[in-house]
Structures are given as C-alpha cells and as structure tokens.
Amino acid sequence: MSVKQCLRQRIYIPRLLAGGLASWSIFSQTCLPSLANSLLPQKQLSLATEFSFWQAKLLLHSDSESINVGMDSDLRNQQTSVSELSDVKPTDWAYQALRSLIERYGVISGYADGTFRGNRPLSRYEFAAALAATLDQVESLIANGEDDRYVQEDAIVLRRLQTDYRLALEDLQQRLNRIDRRTIELNANQFSPTTKLQGQQIIALSDGSDANKTVISRSRLTLSTSFNQQDLLVTQLESGNNGGDATGLAQQEQRNLLGVSGFIANGGGLDYAEVEPDVKLRRLYYTFRPWQDVALTVGAKMLPRDFIDRNRYANNEAIDFSSSFFLNNPLIVQNQIDRNGGAGAAILWNPGGGKLTLRSLYIAADANLPNANNTEGGLFSDRYQASVEVEYLPNDQIALRLQYTNALINNTDINAFGINAEYSLNRNTGIFGRFGFGSYNGFNTAINENLDLHPFSWAIGLGTRNFMLPGTVAGIAFGQPFVSDNLGSATQTNLEAFYNLQLSDNLSISPTFSLVTNPDNDSSKGTIWQSTLRSVFSF
C-alpha cells in the first residue's frame, strides 16, 4: 500500500488529523495506558473529594480552585514524559518547508487557541501529522489534473520530506492502528457509556497504648453517573470489618462523648474505623445546574462534609490525615449527621464565576422515620443540620471560609460559627487552620444529661508535597476538638503526622503517628499514642 493510500484510509479530514495529533498526548492517556501519565491523584480520592472535584469541574469550574487535596496539580504533580520527543527546530529546512506548504495550501490554521506556535520545536508526531495532511492535500491537486509548475515543485519538496521522515510517518500509522484497536476494545468492554465505576479499599495496621494490634478495613464502590455532562448522580456502597484503634477505644469508654461515633462531637480516632460489615448505602444524591452559576444537589443519603468545610491540606482520609478531627471542624460538621448521612438538599452559588462562593445545606439524619407522634424522625424533626458557608478566594494563595451551623440533635439545640482558612507558602507547602465556637443547650437524650455548653474548637497544621521524594504528601497538625469547662475534667488535645508514599498507580502506603491527651476530655485516661500503617488500593 502506498503512503498516499495508507493515509487516505485513515485521514478522513486532513485538518482534523493535523490538529488532533497536536493533542496526541491527551488522547493517549485514555487509549494507551502504557503511555499515560500517572492517574493516581484521581484514583485515590475518597468520594467526598472526588465528588466535589467533579462537581466543581462539571458545574462550576471556578469553584475547583478551592478544592485541592490530591487533585490535578495541587498535592501531586503529574509528570510529563519527554522521552518520545525528537524535535524539529524552527531553523531546520524541513520545518520551514512544511510551514510554507501549510500556509500556501491552507491545510491547517493552527491550534485550538488560534496560534501556530511557529517559534517552538515540533515533536515528531506533530510534524508527521502536518506532513501527512499536506501530502494528501497536494497529491489530491495533482490527481485532479493540476499542472501548475509551482504545484509540481511543491510535490518534489514533499517527496523529500516524505523520504526523510518515513519512519515518523510509519510510526504515525502504527499509532493510528493501535488507536482503532483500543477504541474497539474499550467500546466492547466499557462498564457503561454514562457511568464510571470506582473502587477503594483501605487496610490499616494499627497499634497503640492500652490496645492490641488491630487490622482495620473499609471498602467502597462508587458509581458516578452523568447524563449530559452538566450533572452528576453519585451512588456509593460501603462496608468494613468494624475495626477499632487505640484512640477510639479510649474515647468509647463510659459515654463516648468525642469519639469517631461520639454523641457530642467527633474528636478523633481513625476516620475509616468502626465501619460495620454489612454493605450499606453510604451516598445517594443527584447534582444538576439549573442556572449557569448555581449547582443544586438533592438526595436520600448526603453528608455535610461533601459540601462544606473543605480544605486542600486536610480533607481526605485516603490521602492526608487519618484522624477524623483534622478532616472537619466538629462544631460545623455535626458527627451525628455526617457519620451516617441523611436526606436533604445543598446549593452552591458562585456569582459570575468570581472569587466569592456561597454554599448552604439542610440534611436530616432520620428523614426515613415516619414518627408522627414523636419529636424524632422525619425531614424536619430531630436530628437535622442546616449550614451556610461563604468562601472568598482573593488569590491563588489564600482561601477564607466563614461558616454557621444550626442543628437539633438528641433534643439539644446547637448553634456554631466557624472559620476555615488556608495559606500557600509556596507551590509545595501551605498552612491551614480551623476555628469554631458555639453553644449546646437542652437535655441530651443520648447521654441523659442537661447541657449548657459554650465550647470552642481549633486546629492548625502544615501540609507539603514532594517532601524528600517526588509525588509524596506529608503533613502535621495539632488542635483541641471540644474545649468546654462543663464537659469532662480536662481538655482533649490531638496531634497527628503522616507521610503518604505512592508505590504505584493503584497503591499507596502512609505511616502515621498520633498523640491524644485526655481522651474524651477525661484527665484519668492520660495520653494515648498510636501508630498506623495505612494502605489504599484504588481500582
């Protein structure tokens, strides 16, 4: 088969091919995994992070700037391979000759942004694509009877280019063949044209003071469905081995006020611990955009952490901090609502795609209980949370979020205000902090105690990437989850440090170390130390 025949078999629209091969590296990441860059940051996201990222990209792209853990180039840099490049410099005769022919015959007009980029070297694939399209154009003129002397001269130049870059053209043809085969294979084996299936398995080995060594497991399967690229339906199933840790054990003694599943607030322990073995529906909600700058979410299983109190350095238990306290402000994200989720709605408004974003939500944990003669259950009875958050992003370095939460939980009225802030010191390192204060009033039916508390909560930390090794994520933070004179005999203080090391596209390990003094605000429990080796499998 001649080069002309081979090209005409594959190149249906010369301009499309020439422009498309300039985007070859993007397409190869989907169709040719062996050439793709690492997809780890996306694969390793927990759904809370993943959904907010997808929601921001699909619904309000400007909002994505505030959601940074493990996404795009925030905590992990994707490296671009240059080993395949064989540059054709602008000073080379071939470059000048091909550019002249392209402009003369109008084969391509440039890149998608309207530029030709004539001052930079071309990769051999870009050059081969442009040469193939130009060759097809000129040969078609000759075949149609054009006997213009200049066309014949241009054909001679093309023959020389074709000879000098024969290997590049053959390589181009082989790549097109592989694309065809991979496209057929992907179409035949895809899970769904509208739904993406993702899995995550966390297995952690934990040891600590006053506790036995344990293995903690949590599994998640997530279906992310988009019907028109402007919406997102999230369905997630979850199960675990009900594993525990030293911090959780200390907090569960007696009344469990501040544990991972605490009655008052979430004050620490491993976020992926205490997940029951039975498969349960963890998330079920649908997000769509009724207007250009508004995203609306409704669902039967929603979690406050998916929509408010996000932070680029501390927000994902599969990548950064394992302690539930450092993932969210316990006064703003109420544990009794967030731990099991509930029915409700959330709205995001980013006026004109600017620096200001408003978020609000209402979630009822027991909306499925039709207790008509009881103050508990239903959509608007005990237990519910309503929150508002205003986010301001003056520049790429600073993010400031002001928050308010009103909740009714176990007959206790809760009102809390919060501040969530972060500051990037440089491209790799930043500091973050959360602060909250509020009031808890009423007879709490879970602990059978009348509460009149005015607590505050604070946490501050440092996050960094590429520390010692490329692609790593590390951080350290400390704080106090629930400071109140009328709850316990002391104040619990938490500290955690972690180092996330990537082993492959589908596996990471993270050694973590934590200290908790006065667990559950109880001075008799002393200090708990804990070490954990977290492994995360993504598929």
Protein backbone atom coordinates (compact mmCIF):
# COMPACT_ATOMS: atom_id res chain seq x y z
CA MET A 1 0.00 0.00 0.00
CA SER A 2 1.37 3.41 -0.95
CA VAL A 3 1.81 6.14 1.61
CA LYS A 4 -0.97 8.06 -0.11
CA GLN A 5 -3.39 5.14 0.08
CA CYS A 6 -2.45 4.42 3.65
CA LEU A 7 -3.01 7.98 4.66
CA ARG A 8 -6.32 8.30 2.82
CA GLN A 9 -7.55 5.16 4.54
CA ARG A 10 -7.08 6.77 7.95
CA ILE A 11 -7.24 10.50 7.39
CA TYR A 12 -10.77 11.47 6.57
CA ILE A 13 -10.41 15.15 7.29
CA PRO A 14 -6.81 16.36 6.90
CA ARG A 15 -7.30 19.38 9.08
CA LEU A 16 -8.82 17.36 11.88
CA LEU A 17 -5.91 14.91 11.89
CA ALA A 18 -3.30 17.61 11.86
CA GLY A 19 -4.90 19.46 14.69
CA GLY A 20 -5.79 16.28 16.54
CA LEU A 21 -2.27 14.89 16.61
CA ALA A 22 -1.17 18.07 18.29
CA SER A 23 -3.40 16.80 21.12
CA TRP A 24 -1.99 13.27 20.89
CA SER A 25 -0.61 13.21 24.40
CA ILE A 26 -4.06 13.90 25.87
CA PHE A 27 -5.79 11.15 23.89
CA SER A 28 -3.04 8.63 24.60
CA GLN A 29 -3.72 8.84 28.31
CA THR A 30 -7.15 7.35 27.68
CA CYS A 31 -6.45 4.91 24.87
CA LEU A 32 -2.87 3.86 25.55
CA PRO A 33 -2.29 3.27 29.26
CA SER A 34 1.34 2.37 28.68
CA LEU A 35 1.97 5.94 27.57
CA ALA A 36 -0.31 7.61 30.09
CA ASN A 37 0.83 9.76 32.93
CA SER A 38 0.10 8.65 36.47
CA LEU A 39 -3.59 8.78 37.26
CA LEU A 40 -3.01 8.31 40.96
CA PRO A 41 -4.42 11.57 42.30
CA GLN A 42 -7.79 10.91 40.72
CA LYS A 43 -7.88 7.23 41.51
CA GLN A 44 -7.03 7.66 45.13
CA LEU A 45 -9.65 10.22 46.01
CA SER A 46 -12.26 9.43 48.56
CA LEU A 47 -15.71 10.09 47.19
CA ALA A 48 -16.06 13.25 49.25
CA THR A 49 -13.06 14.75 47.49
CA GLU A 50 -13.78 13.15 44.15
CA PHE A 51 -17.37 14.35 44.02
CA SER A 52 -16.54 17.91 44.98
CA PHE A 53 -13.85 17.99 42.32
CA TRP A 54 -16.16 16.59 39.62
CA GLN A 55 -18.95 18.86 40.78
CA ALA A 56 -16.67 21.85 40.55
CA LYS A 57 -15.36 20.89 37.11
CA LEU A 58 -18.71 19.98 35.59
CA LEU A 59 -20.93 22.50 37.32
CA LEU A 60 -18.89 25.49 38.45
CA HIS A 61 -15.32 25.22 37.28
CA SER A 62 -14.24 28.26 39.22
CA ASP A 63 -15.08 26.53 42.47
CA SER A 64 -12.44 23.88 41.86
CA GLU A 65 -9.68 26.25 42.81
CA SER A 66 -10.62 25.83 46.46
CA ILE A 67 -10.64 22.02 46.40
CA ASN A 68 -7.09 20.85 46.15
CA VAL A 69 -6.22 17.69 48.06
CA GLY A 70 -4.90 15.13 45.62
CA MET A 71 -6.41 16.84 42.62
CA ASP A 72 -4.76 17.85 39.39
CA SER A 73 -1.52 19.60 40.32
CA ASP A 74 -2.26 20.56 43.91
CA LEU A 75 -0.70 17.99 46.21
CA ARG A 76 0.65 15.73 43.48
CA ASN A 77 2.39 16.87 40.29
CA GLN A 78 1.72 14.74 37.24
CA GLN A 79 4.97 14.30 35.37
CA THR A 80 5.04 14.61 31.59
CA SER A 81 7.41 12.29 29.75
CA VAL A 82 9.64 13.86 27.10
CA SER A 83 11.47 10.69 26.16
CA GLU A 84 9.49 10.34 22.93
CA LEU A 85 10.23 13.79 21.62
CA SER A 86 12.50 14.22 18.61
CA ASP A 87 12.28 17.93 17.99
CA VAL A 88 12.15 19.57 14.61
CA LYS A 89 13.56 23.02 15.26
CA PRO A 90 12.17 26.17 13.62
CA THR A 91 15.58 26.72 11.99
CA ASP A 92 15.55 23.35 10.21
CA TRP A 93 14.89 23.37 6.45
CA ALA A 94 12.14 20.76 6.92
CA TYR A 95 10.31 22.95 9.43
CA GLN A 96 10.43 25.99 7.17
CA ALA A 97 9.46 24.00 4.08
CA LEU A 98 6.47 22.35 5.74
CA ARG A 99 5.28 25.60 7.28
CA SER A 100 5.40 27.29 3.88
CA LEU A 101 3.40 24.47 2.31
CA ILE A 102 0.83 24.51 5.13
CA GLU A 103 0.25 28.22 4.78
CA ARG A 104 0.12 28.05 0.97
CA TYR A 105 -2.44 25.27 0.77
CA GLY A 106 -4.40 26.11 3.92
CA VAL A 107 -4.03 22.64 5.35
CA ILE A 108 -4.20 23.74 8.98
CA SER A 109 -4.71 27.14 10.53
CA GLY A 110 -3.05 26.42 13.86
CA TYR A 111 -4.01 25.16 17.28
CA ALA A 112 -7.33 25.42 19.07
CA ASP A 113 -6.28 28.68 20.72
CA GLY A 114 -5.76 30.31 17.31
CA THR A 115 -1.94 30.24 17.33
CA PHE A 116 0.53 28.49 15.05
CA ARG A 117 3.34 28.46 17.62
CA GLY A 118 5.94 28.84 14.96
CA ASN A 119 8.67 29.83 17.39
CA ARG A 120 8.94 26.44 19.12
CA PRO A 121 10.18 22.99 18.04
CA LEU A 122 7.64 20.43 16.86
CA SER A 123 7.53 16.89 18.18
CA ARG A 124 7.95 14.25 15.51
CA TYR A 125 4.29 13.29 15.84
CA GLU A 126 3.08 16.84 15.27
CA PHE A 127 5.41 17.14 12.31
CA ALA A 128 4.32 13.80 10.86
CA ALA A 129 0.65 14.69 11.22
CA ALA A 130 1.10 18.02 9.48
CA LEU A 131 3.20 16.37 6.75
CA ALA A 132 0.58 13.65 6.19
CA ALA A 133 -2.21 16.18 5.83
CA THR A 134 -0.18 18.39 3.48
CA LEU A 135 0.87 15.41 1.36
CA ASP A 136 -2.74 14.33 1.00
CA GLN A 137 -3.82 17.84 0.02
CA VAL A 138 -1.13 18.33 -2.64
CA GLU A 139 -1.49 14.83 -4.09
CA SER A 140 -5.21 15.38 -4.47
CA LEU A 141 -4.48 18.50 -6.54
CA ILE A 142 -2.13 16.53 -8.77
CA ALA A 143 -4.68 13.74 -9.14
CA ASN A 144 -7.30 16.28 -10.21
CA GLY A 145 -5.18 17.40 -13.10
CA GLU A 146 -3.40 20.40 -11.68
CA ASP A 147 -0.37 21.01 -13.88
CA ASP A 148 0.74 24.22 -12.25
CA ARG A 149 4.54 24.39 -12.22
CA TYR A 150 4.61 25.54 -8.60
CA VAL A 151 2.42 22.65 -7.52
CA GLN A 152 4.82 20.24 -9.20
CA GLU A 153 7.74 21.88 -7.41
CA ASP A 154 5.94 21.62 -4.11
CA ALA A 155 5.32 17.95 -4.80
CA ILE A 156 9.08 17.43 -5.15
CA VAL A 157 9.66 19.08 -1.77
CA LEU A 158 7.00 16.86 -0.24
CA ARG A 159 8.65 13.75 -1.69
CA ARG A 160 11.90 14.73 0.02
CA LEU A 161 10.13 15.35 3.30
CA GLN A 162 8.34 12.04 2.91
CA THR A 163 11.66 10.25 2.43
CA ASP A 164 13.44 11.99 5.31
CA TYR A 165 10.55 11.40 7.72
CA ARG A 166 9.50 7.96 6.53
CA LEU A 167 9.98 6.42 9.97
CA ALA A 168 7.86 9.09 11.64
CA LEU A 169 5.06 8.53 9.11
CA GLU A 170 5.18 4.78 9.63
CA ASP A 171 5.14 5.27 13.38
CA LEU A 172 2.14 7.56 12.97
CA GLN A 173 0.33 4.88 11.00
CA GLN A 174 1.05 2.26 13.65
CA ARG A 175 -0.27 4.56 16.35
CA LEU A 176 -3.48 5.12 14.41
CA ASN A 177 -3.91 1.37 14.07
CA ARG A 178 -3.45 0.93 17.81
CA ILE A 179 -5.98 3.67 18.48
CA ASP A 180 -8.51 1.87 16.31
CA ARG A 181 -7.95 -1.41 18.12
CA ARG A 182 -8.10 0.18 21.57
CA THR A 183 -11.24 2.12 20.69
CA ILE A 184 -12.99 -1.07 19.59
CA GLU A 185 -11.82 -2.85 22.75
CA LEU A 186 -12.94 -0.04 25.05
CA ASN A 187 -16.34 0.22 23.40
CA ALA A 188 -16.82 -3.53 23.74
CA ASN A 189 -15.80 -3.70 27.41
CA GLN A 190 -16.87 -0.41 28.90
CA PHE A 191 -18.93 -0.65 32.07
CA SER A 192 -21.44 1.96 30.91
CA PRO A 193 -21.48 4.90 28.49
CA THR A 194 -22.80 7.17 31.25
CA THR A 195 -21.44 5.65 34.49
CA LYS A 196 -17.95 5.36 35.95
CA LEU A 197 -17.32 2.59 38.48
CA GLN A 198 -14.55 3.14 41.02
CA GLY A 199 -13.42 1.10 43.98
CA GLN A 200 -11.34 1.87 47.04
CA GLN A 201 -10.02 -0.45 49.71
CA ILE A 202 -8.33 0.85 52.86
CA ILE A 203 -6.45 -1.65 55.01
CA ALA A 204 -4.65 -0.25 58.03
CA LEU A 205 -2.45 -1.89 60.65
CA SER A 206 -2.78 -0.03 63.93
CA ASP A 207 -1.08 -0.23 67.29
CA GLY A 208 -1.19 1.99 70.34
CA SER A 209 -1.06 2.31 74.09
CA ASP A 210 -3.54 0.26 76.12
CA ALA A 211 -4.76 -1.52 72.96
CA ASN A 212 -3.99 -4.63 70.96
CA LYS A 213 -2.65 -4.52 67.44
CA THR A 214 -5.56 -4.41 65.00
CA VAL A 215 -6.33 -4.58 61.30
CA ILE A 216 -8.88 -2.03 60.10
CA SER A 217 -10.60 -2.41 56.75
CA ARG A 218 -13.04 -0.29 54.78
CA SER A 219 -14.30 -0.97 51.24
CA ARG A 220 -16.19 1.38 48.91
CA LEU A 221 -17.72 1.01 45.47
CA THR A 222 -18.80 4.25 43.81
CA LEU A 223 -20.97 4.76 40.73
CA SER A 224 -20.64 8.25 39.25
CA THR A 225 -23.17 8.89 36.50
CA SER A 226 -23.53 11.87 34.21
CA PHE A 227 -26.32 12.06 31.66
CA ASN A 228 -25.47 15.34 29.92
CA GLN A 229 -22.02 16.36 31.23
CA GLN A 230 -23.73 19.03 33.33
CA ASP A 231 -25.00 16.76 36.11
CA LEU A 232 -23.80 14.03 38.44
CA LEU A 233 -25.56 11.13 40.16
CA VAL A 234 -23.48 9.62 42.98
CA THR A 235 -24.21 6.15 44.39
CA GLN A 236 -21.81 4.65 46.91
CA LEU A 237 -21.80 1.35 48.81
CA GLU A 238 -19.62 0.81 51.87
CA SER A 239 -18.66 -1.95 54.28
CA GLY A 240 -15.86 -2.65 56.75
CA ASN A 241 -14.68 -5.06 59.42
CA ASN A 242 -15.76 -2.86 62.35
CA GLY A 243 -12.08 -2.46 63.25
CA GLY A 244 -11.01 -0.13 66.02
CA ASP A 245 -7.93 1.73 67.21
CA ALA A 246 -6.34 2.84 70.46
CA THR A 247 -7.75 6.36 70.34
CA GLY A 248 -11.23 5.14 69.56
CA LEU A 249 -11.05 2.58 72.36
CA ALA A 250 -10.16 5.26 74.91
CA GLN A 251 -12.93 7.55 73.68
CA GLN A 252 -15.55 4.79 73.77
CA GLU A 253 -15.10 4.12 77.46
CA GLN A 254 -18.09 5.20 79.52
CA ARG A 255 -20.14 7.76 77.49
CA ASN A 256 -18.13 8.13 74.25
CA LEU A 257 -18.60 11.88 74.02
CA LEU A 258 -15.89 12.76 71.49
CA GLY A 259 -15.16 9.54 69.60
CA VAL A 260 -15.47 8.83 65.89
CA SER A 261 -19.08 7.92 66.66
CA GLY A 262 -19.32 10.20 69.69
CA PHE A 263 -22.61 11.61 70.99
CA ILE A 264 -21.39 15.21 71.34
CA ALA A 265 -18.76 15.69 68.65
CA ASN A 266 -16.17 13.95 66.52
CA GLY A 267 -12.87 14.41 68.31
CA GLY A 268 -10.52 11.96 66.66
CA GLY A 269 -9.77 8.34 66.04
CA LEU A 270 -9.30 6.87 62.59
CA ASP A 271 -12.00 8.11 60.23
CA TYR A 272 -12.24 4.74 58.45
CA ALA A 273 -12.63 2.77 61.70
CA GLU A 274 -15.86 1.38 63.14
CA VAL A 275 -17.45 0.67 59.75
CA GLU A 276 -19.90 -2.21 60.03
CA PRO A 277 -19.50 -5.40 57.95
CA ASP A 278 -22.96 -5.19 56.38
CA VAL A 279 -22.98 -3.48 53.00
CA LYS A 280 -24.75 -0.15 53.34
CA LEU A 281 -25.70 2.73 51.14
CA ARG A 282 -23.26 5.48 52.04
CA ARG A 283 -24.14 8.17 49.48
CA LEU A 284 -27.00 8.73 47.06
CA TYR A 285 -27.57 12.18 45.60
CA TYR A 286 -28.02 13.99 42.31
CA THR A 287 -26.45 17.32 41.35
CA PHE A 288 -27.55 19.47 38.44
CA ARG A 289 -27.17 23.06 37.35
CA PRO A 290 -30.44 24.98 36.92
CA TRP A 291 -28.51 28.16 36.10
CA GLN A 292 -25.02 28.85 34.88
CA ASP A 293 -23.57 29.77 38.27
CA VAL A 294 -25.77 27.61 40.50
CA ALA A 295 -25.41 23.92 41.39
CA LEU A 296 -28.27 22.19 43.23
CA THR A 297 -28.00 18.80 44.95
CA VAL A 298 -30.83 16.65 46.31
CA GLY A 299 -30.56 13.17 47.73
CA ALA A 300 -31.58 10.48 50.18
CA LYS A 301 -28.03 9.96 51.53
CA MET A 302 -25.99 13.13 51.83
CA LEU A 303 -23.02 14.03 54.03
CA PRO A 304 -22.24 17.60 55.15
CA ARG A 305 -18.51 17.04 54.57
CA ASP A 306 -19.13 16.70 50.83
CA PHE A 307 -20.39 20.27 50.55
CA ILE A 308 -18.87 22.47 53.29
CA ASP A 309 -15.69 22.87 55.36
CA ARG A 310 -13.37 21.66 52.64
CA ASN A 311 -9.63 22.32 52.84
CA ARG A 312 -6.90 21.48 50.39
CA TYR A 313 -4.48 20.23 53.05
CA ALA A 314 -6.78 18.29 55.38
CA ASN A 315 -9.89 16.77 53.87
CA ASN A 316 -9.29 13.23 52.60
CA GLU A 317 -8.74 10.25 54.88
CA ALA A 318 -7.32 8.20 51.98
CA ILE A 319 -4.57 10.72 51.16
CA ASP A 320 -3.87 13.06 54.05
CA PHE A 321 -4.87 12.97 57.74
CA SER A 322 -6.49 9.80 59.08
CA SER A 323 -7.88 11.39 62.23
CA SER A 324 -11.50 12.42 61.82
CA PHE A 325 -10.91 15.56 63.87
CA PHE A 326 -8.42 17.05 61.39
CA LEU A 327 -10.70 16.35 58.43
CA ASN A 328 -13.55 18.62 59.58
CA ASN A 329 -14.48 21.12 62.26
CA PRO A 330 -16.56 19.05 64.75
CA LEU A 331 -18.78 22.03 65.58
CA ILE A 332 -19.60 22.84 61.93
CA VAL A 333 -19.87 19.28 60.57
CA GLN A 334 -22.04 17.57 63.16
CA ASN A 335 -20.97 13.99 63.80
CA GLN A 336 -24.48 12.60 64.33
CA ILE A 337 -25.44 13.82 60.85
CA ASP A 338 -22.21 13.20 58.96
CA ARG A 339 -21.41 9.73 60.26
CA ASN A 340 -24.45 8.05 58.72
CA GLY A 341 -25.75 10.74 56.36
CA GLY A 342 -29.30 11.72 55.68
CA ALA A 343 -31.80 13.13 53.21
CA GLY A 344 -31.75 16.76 52.20
CA ALA A 345 -30.51 19.33 49.73
CA ALA A 346 -27.49 21.55 49.13
CA ILE A 347 -26.91 24.56 46.92
CA LEU A 348 -23.76 26.18 45.60
CA TRP A 349 -23.80 29.69 44.12
CA ASN A 350 -20.73 31.24 42.51
CA PRO A 351 -21.91 34.62 41.12
CA GLY A 352 -20.38 35.22 37.73
CA GLY A 353 -17.67 32.67 38.37
CA GLY A 354 -15.96 35.17 40.67
CA LYS A 355 -13.97 34.95 43.88
CA LEU A 356 -16.99 34.65 46.15
CA THR A 357 -18.92 31.37 46.61
CA LEU A 358 -21.96 30.67 48.79
CA ARG A 359 -22.82 27.16 49.95
CA SER A 360 -25.73 26.01 52.08
CA LEU A 361 -27.30 22.69 53.04
CA TYR A 362 -30.04 21.04 55.03
CA ILE A 363 -29.72 17.36 55.97
CA ALA A 364 -32.00 15.27 58.20
CA ALA A 365 -30.40 12.11 59.57
CA ASP A 366 -33.72 10.35 60.31
CA ALA A 367 -35.81 11.53 57.39
CA ASN A 368 -36.84 7.92 56.72
CA LEU A 369 -38.62 7.54 60.09
CA PRO A 370 -42.35 8.49 59.99
CA ASN A 371 -42.79 9.01 63.73
CA ALA A 372 -45.95 11.11 63.60
CA ASN A 373 -46.46 11.13 67.39
CA ASN A 374 -42.82 11.74 68.23
CA THR A 375 -40.46 14.69 68.03
CA GLU A 376 -37.82 12.47 66.49
CA GLY A 377 -37.54 11.39 62.88
CA GLY A 378 -38.93 12.83 59.69
CA LEU A 379 -37.50 15.50 57.45
CA PHE A 380 -37.91 18.44 59.83
CA SER A 381 -37.62 16.89 63.31
CA ASP A 382 -34.74 15.77 65.49
CA ARG A 383 -31.97 15.05 64.08
CA TYR A 384 -31.06 17.65 61.43
CA GLN A 385 -28.33 20.11 60.46
CA ALA A 386 -28.59 23.35 58.48
CA SER A 387 -25.38 25.13 57.47
CA VAL A 388 -24.21 28.14 55.47
CA GLU A 389 -20.68 28.81 54.26
CA VAL A 390 -19.27 31.86 52.47
CA GLU A 391 -15.94 31.33 50.73
CA TYR A 392 -13.65 34.10 49.48
CA LEU A 393 -10.61 33.42 47.30
CA PRO A 394 -8.74 36.72 46.81
CA ASN A 395 -5.87 34.96 45.01
CA ASP A 396 -4.30 31.54 44.47
CA GLN A 397 -2.55 31.62 47.84
CA ILE A 398 -5.37 32.41 50.22
CA ALA A 399 -8.73 30.80 50.94
CA LEU A 400 -11.09 32.03 53.66
CA ARG A 401 -14.40 30.41 54.62
CA LEU A 402 -16.90 31.74 57.16
CA GLN A 403 -19.43 29.19 58.44
CA TYR A 404 -22.58 28.84 60.52
CA THR A 405 -24.40 25.66 61.60
CA ASN A 406 -27.74 25.24 63.33
CA ALA A 407 -28.69 21.74 64.44
CA LEU A 408 -31.11 19.83 66.61
CA ILE A 409 -29.54 16.58 67.77
CA ASN A 410 -30.78 14.37 70.60
CA ASN A 411 -33.01 17.20 71.84
CA THR A 412 -30.01 19.55 72.06
CA ASP A 413 -30.06 22.89 70.25
CA ILE A 414 -26.72 23.61 68.61
CA ASN A 415 -25.52 26.89 67.12
CA ALA A 416 -21.94 27.23 65.94
CA PHE A 417 -19.78 29.64 63.96
CA GLY A 418 -16.58 28.65 62.21
CA ILE A 419 -13.59 29.89 60.24
CA ASN A 420 -11.69 27.70 57.78
CA ALA A 421 -8.54 29.27 56.31
CA GLU A 422 -5.51 28.21 54.32
CA TYR A 423 -2.41 29.95 53.00
CA SER A 424 0.08 28.61 50.45
CA LEU A 425 3.64 29.48 51.42
CA ASN A 426 4.89 28.25 48.04
CA ARG A 427 3.91 25.77 45.37
CA ASN A 428 4.53 22.76 47.60
CA THR A 429 3.81 23.91 51.14
CA GLY A 430 0.97 25.61 52.96
CA ILE A 431 -0.59 26.12 56.35
CA PHE A 432 -4.22 25.67 57.32
CA GLY A 433 -6.44 26.23 60.30
CA ARG A 434 -9.98 25.71 61.53
CA PHE A 435 -11.63 27.53 64.43
CA GLY A 436 -15.16 27.26 65.79
CA PHE A 437 -17.24 28.35 68.73
CA GLY A 438 -20.87 27.80 69.65
CA SER A 439 -23.49 26.72 72.17
CA TYR A 440 -25.13 23.39 73.10
CA ASN A 441 -28.36 23.72 75.09
CA GLY A 442 -31.04 21.25 76.20
CA PHE A 443 -31.49 17.87 77.80
CA ASN A 444 -29.42 15.48 75.68
CA THR A 445 -31.35 12.22 75.35
CA ALA A 446 -28.27 10.25 74.26
CA ILE A 447 -26.32 10.82 77.47
CA ASN A 448 -29.29 11.74 79.71
CA GLU A 449 -27.75 14.99 80.79
CA ASN A 450 -28.84 18.61 80.67
CA LEU A 451 -26.33 20.60 78.62
CA ASP A 452 -25.47 24.28 78.76
CA LEU A 453 -22.14 24.34 76.96
CA HIS A 454 -20.26 27.09 75.16
CA PRO A 455 -17.41 25.18 73.51
CA PHE A 456 -14.78 26.21 71.02
CA SER A 457 -12.62 24.08 68.74
CA TRP A 458 -9.38 24.77 66.92
CA ALA A 459 -6.80 23.04 64.74
CA ILE A 460 -3.74 24.26 62.86
CA GLY A 461 -1.39 22.37 60.60
CA LEU A 462 1.19 22.26 57.84
CA GLY A 463 0.85 20.36 54.57
CA THR A 464 3.53 19.73 51.97
CA ARG A 465 4.13 17.66 48.85
CA ASN A 466 7.26 16.24 47.21
CA PHE A 467 8.95 16.08 50.60
CA MET A 468 12.19 14.09 50.14
CA LEU A 469 10.58 12.08 47.32
CA PRO A 470 8.56 13.28 44.28
CA GLY A 471 4.84 12.60 44.43
CA THR A 472 4.65 12.29 48.19
CA VAL A 473 2.26 14.12 50.52
CA ALA A 474 3.07 14.87 54.16
CA GLY A 475 1.53 16.86 56.96
CA ILE A 476 1.42 17.59 60.67
CA ALA A 477 -1.36 19.16 62.71
CA PHE A 478 -2.49 19.65 66.30
CA GLY A 479 -5.54 21.08 68.00
CA GLN A 480 -8.34 20.65 70.54
CA PRO A 481 -11.72 19.36 69.34
CA PHE A 482 -14.01 20.44 72.17
CA VAL A 483 -12.86 22.98 74.75
CA SER A 484 -15.52 23.46 77.42
CA ASP A 485 -15.43 24.00 81.19
CA ASN A 486 -18.59 21.98 81.72
CA LEU A 487 -17.71 18.81 79.80
CA GLY A 488 -15.26 16.46 81.46
CA SER A 489 -12.34 17.10 83.79
CA ALA A 490 -9.77 18.19 81.18
CA THR A 491 -9.41 19.19 77.55
CA GLN A 492 -8.55 16.66 74.88
CA THR A 493 -5.62 17.62 72.64
CA ASN A 494 -4.80 15.87 69.36
CA LEU A 495 -1.62 15.67 67.28
CA GLU A 496 -1.03 13.74 64.05
CA ALA A 497 1.75 13.45 61.49
CA PHE A 498 1.61 11.41 58.26
CA TYR A 499 3.70 10.65 55.16
CA ASN A 500 1.92 9.37 52.06
CA LEU A 501 4.17 7.39 49.72
CA GLN A 502 2.96 6.31 46.28
CA LEU A 503 4.03 2.82 45.23
CA SER A 504 2.03 2.51 42.02
CA ASP A 505 -0.97 3.96 40.23
CA ASN A 506 -3.22 1.78 42.38
CA LEU A 507 -1.45 1.56 45.73
CA SER A 508 -0.16 3.97 48.33
CA ILE A 509 1.05 3.47 51.88
CA SER A 510 1.05 6.07 54.64
CA PRO A 511 2.72 5.68 58.01
CA THR A 512 1.02 7.93 60.56
CA PHE A 513 1.66 8.75 64.19
CA SER A 514 -0.72 10.42 66.60
CA LEU A 515 -0.94 11.51 70.22
CA VAL A 516 -4.13 12.22 72.14
CA THR A 517 -4.01 13.62 75.65
CA ASN A 518 -7.03 13.43 77.95
CA PRO A 519 -9.25 11.45 75.55
CA ASP A 520 -12.93 12.32 75.83
CA ASN A 521 -11.95 15.33 77.99
CA ASP A 522 -11.10 12.91 80.79
CA SER A 523 -7.85 13.51 82.69
CA SER A 524 -7.85 9.97 84.12
CA LYS A 525 -7.18 8.48 80.68
CA GLY A 526 -3.76 10.10 80.36
CA THR A 527 -2.04 10.18 76.97
CA ILE A 528 -2.71 7.77 74.11
CA TRP A 529 -0.10 7.21 71.41
CA GLN A 530 -0.94 5.43 68.20
CA SER A 531 0.90 4.34 65.06
CA THR A 532 -0.87 3.27 61.89
CA LEU A 533 0.26 1.97 58.53
CA ARG A 534 -2.50 2.86 56.06
CA SER A 535 -2.59 1.20 52.65
CA VAL A 536 -5.04 2.36 50.00
CA PHE A 537 -5.90 0.28 46.94
CA SER A 538 -7.71 2.13 44.15
CA PHE A 539 -9.22 0.47 41.10
